[in-house]
Amino acid sequence: MPDVVVVSLISLAGTLFGSIAGIMTANRLTTYRVEELEKKVDKFNNLVERTFKLEQSTARQWDRIDEIKSDIAEIKATIRGE
């Protein structure tokens, strides 16, 4: 085989190897970044759920405070004889 053909085959093999290695490395990096983003999204979703539960709890507490205020008003009215 002429030297030119050998050199071109070696260049082709090196180019293929380099391209495949680069694609695999980029794929691993992309997979890692997607997994990290999924973790962040899970944390955010957990925060949203917790915030929703806190808002519900706060609303129930305000309702209870309103009930207690009306009970106090009734007691005061009873004591005054109204």
C-alpha atoms as a PDB file:
ATOM      1  CA  MET A   1       0.000   0.000   0.000  1.00  0.00           C
ATOM      2  CA  PRO A   2       1.259   3.440  -0.754  1.00  0.00           C
ATOM      3  CA  ASP A   3       2.215   5.644   2.158  1.00  0.00           C
ATOM      4  CA  VAL A   4      -0.496   8.154   1.319  1.00  0.00           C
ATOM      5  CA  VAL A   5      -3.231   5.524   1.735  1.00  0.00           C
ATOM      6  CA  VAL A   6      -1.826   4.360   5.085  1.00  0.00           C
ATOM      7  CA  VAL A   7      -1.624   7.927   6.379  1.00  0.00           C
ATOM      8  CA  SER A   8      -5.175   8.670   5.227  1.00  0.00           C
ATOM      9  CA  LEU A   9      -6.516   5.492   6.903  1.00  0.00           C
ATOM     10  CA  ILE A  10      -4.752   6.389  10.152  1.00  0.00           C
ATOM     11  CA  SER A  11      -6.177   9.931   9.914  1.00  0.00           C
ATOM     12  CA  LEU A  12      -9.648   8.515   9.293  1.00  0.00           C
ATOM     13  CA  ALA A  13      -9.373   6.196  12.311  1.00  0.00           C
ATOM     14  CA  GLY A  14      -8.156   9.061  14.520  1.00  0.00           C
ATOM     15  CA  THR A  15     -10.953  11.340  13.360  1.00  0.00           C
ATOM     16  CA  LEU A  16     -13.599   8.668  13.982  1.00  0.00           C
ATOM     17  CA  PHE A  17     -12.215   7.869  17.421  1.00  0.00           C
ATOM     18  CA  GLY A  18     -12.032  11.553  18.377  1.00  0.00           C
ATOM     19  CA  SER A  19     -15.545  12.260  17.152  1.00  0.00           C
ATOM     20  CA  ILE A  20     -17.045   9.277  18.967  1.00  0.00           C
ATOM     21  CA  ALA A  21     -15.165  10.109  22.175  1.00  0.00           C
ATOM     22  CA  GLY A  22     -16.357  13.728  21.981  1.00  0.00           C
ATOM     23  CA  ILE A  23     -19.964  12.700  21.422  1.00  0.00           C
ATOM     24  CA  MET A  24     -19.871  10.256  24.338  1.00  0.00           C
ATOM     25  CA  THR A  25     -18.329  12.854  26.663  1.00  0.00           C
ATOM     26  CA  ALA A  26     -20.918  15.460  25.675  1.00  0.00           C
ATOM     27  CA  ASN A  27     -23.682  12.905  26.187  1.00  0.00           C
ATOM     28  CA  ARG A  28     -22.443  12.077  29.700  1.00  0.00           C
ATOM     29  CA  LEU A  29     -22.235  15.769  30.576  1.00  0.00           C
ATOM     30  CA  THR A  30     -25.736  16.404  29.263  1.00  0.00           C
ATOM     31  CA  THR A  31     -27.107  13.443  31.214  1.00  0.00           C
ATOM     32  CA  TYR A  32     -25.425  14.680  34.402  1.00  0.00           C
ATOM     33  CA  ARG A  33     -26.806  18.185  33.974  1.00  0.00           C
ATOM     34  CA  VAL A  34     -30.327  16.891  33.318  1.00  0.00           C
ATOM     35  CA  GLU A  35     -30.154  14.764  36.485  1.00  0.00           C
ATOM     36  CA  GLU A  36     -29.027  17.770  38.519  1.00  0.00           C
ATOM     37  CA  LEU A  37     -31.865  19.867  37.092  1.00  0.00           C
ATOM     38  CA  GLU A  38     -34.340  17.111  37.960  1.00  0.00           C
ATOM     39  CA  LYS A  39     -33.102  17.209  41.558  1.00  0.00           C
ATOM     40  CA  LYS A  40     -33.617  20.970  41.672  1.00  0.00           C
ATOM     41  CA  VAL A  41     -37.107  20.645  40.197  1.00  0.00           C
ATOM     42  CA  ASP A  42     -37.990  18.010  42.803  1.00  0.00           C
ATOM     43  CA  LYS A  43     -36.817  20.336  45.587  1.00  0.00           C
ATOM     44  CA  PHE A  44     -38.852  23.190  44.099  1.00  0.00           C
ATOM     45  CA  ASN A  45     -41.967  21.028  43.789  1.00  0.00           C
ATOM     46  CA  ASN A  46     -41.556  19.978  47.410  1.00  0.00           C
ATOM     47  CA  LEU A  47     -41.325  23.638  48.394  1.00  0.00           C
ATOM     48  CA  VAL A  48     -44.501  24.445  46.451  1.00  0.00           C
ATOM     49  CA  GLU A  49     -46.380  21.607  48.155  1.00  0.00           C
ATOM     50  CA  ARG A  50     -45.184  22.709  51.589  1.00  0.00           C
ATOM     51  CA  THR A  51     -46.154  26.321  50.872  1.00  0.00           C
ATOM     52  CA  PHE A  52     -49.621  25.214  49.782  1.00  0.00           C
ATOM     53  CA  LYS A  53     -50.073  23.244  53.014  1.00  0.00           C
ATOM     54  CA  LEU A  54     -48.909  26.228  55.065  1.00  0.00           C
ATOM     55  CA  GLU A  55     -51.371  28.506  53.283  1.00  0.00           C
ATOM     56  CA  GLN A  56     -54.201  26.078  54.023  1.00  0.00           C
ATOM     57  CA  SER A  57     -53.166  25.851  57.660  1.00  0.00           C
ATOM     58  CA  THR A  58     -52.971  29.635  57.963  1.00  0.00           C
ATOM     59  CA  ALA A  59     -56.430  30.018  56.446  1.00  0.00           C
ATOM     60  CA  ARG A  60     -57.845  27.539  58.969  1.00  0.00           C
ATOM     61  CA  GLN A  61     -56.138  29.415  61.805  1.00  0.00           C
ATOM     62  CA  TRP A  62     -57.648  32.732  60.674  1.00  0.00           C
ATOM     63  CA  ASP A  63     -61.077  31.078  60.491  1.00  0.00           C
ATOM     64  CA  ARG A  64     -60.615  29.792  64.031  1.00  0.00           C
ATOM     65  CA  ILE A  65     -59.553  33.260  65.217  1.00  0.00           C
ATOM     66  CA  ASP A  66     -62.737  34.701  63.684  1.00  0.00           C
ATOM     67  CA  GLU A  67     -64.788  32.052  65.497  1.00  0.00           C
ATOM     68  CA  ILE A  68     -63.095  32.879  68.800  1.00  0.00           C
ATOM     69  CA  LYS A  69     -63.711  36.599  68.270  1.00  0.00           C
ATOM     70  CA  SER A  70     -67.410  35.984  67.676  1.00  0.00           C
ATOM     71  CA  ASP A  71     -67.549  33.735  70.748  1.00  0.00           C
ATOM     72  CA  ILE A  72     -65.941  36.487  72.836  1.00  0.00           C
ATOM     73  CA  ALA A  73     -68.414  39.024  71.466  1.00  0.00           C
ATOM     74  CA  GLU A  74     -71.308  36.713  72.420  1.00  0.00           C
ATOM     75  CA  ILE A  75     -69.917  36.245  75.926  1.00  0.00           C
ATOM     76  CA  LYS A  76     -69.489  39.998  76.369  1.00  0.00           C
ATOM     77  CA  ALA A  77     -73.026  40.573  75.147  1.00  0.00           C
ATOM     78  CA  THR A  78     -74.321  37.955  77.606  1.00  0.00           C
ATOM     79  CA  ILE A  79     -72.423  39.520  80.506  1.00  0.00           C
ATOM     80  CA  ARG A  80     -73.768  42.977  79.672  1.00  0.00           C
ATOM     81  CA  GLY A  81     -77.254  41.544  79.447  1.00  0.00           C
ATOM     82  CA  GLU A  82     -77.844  42.391  75.828  1.00  0.00           C
END
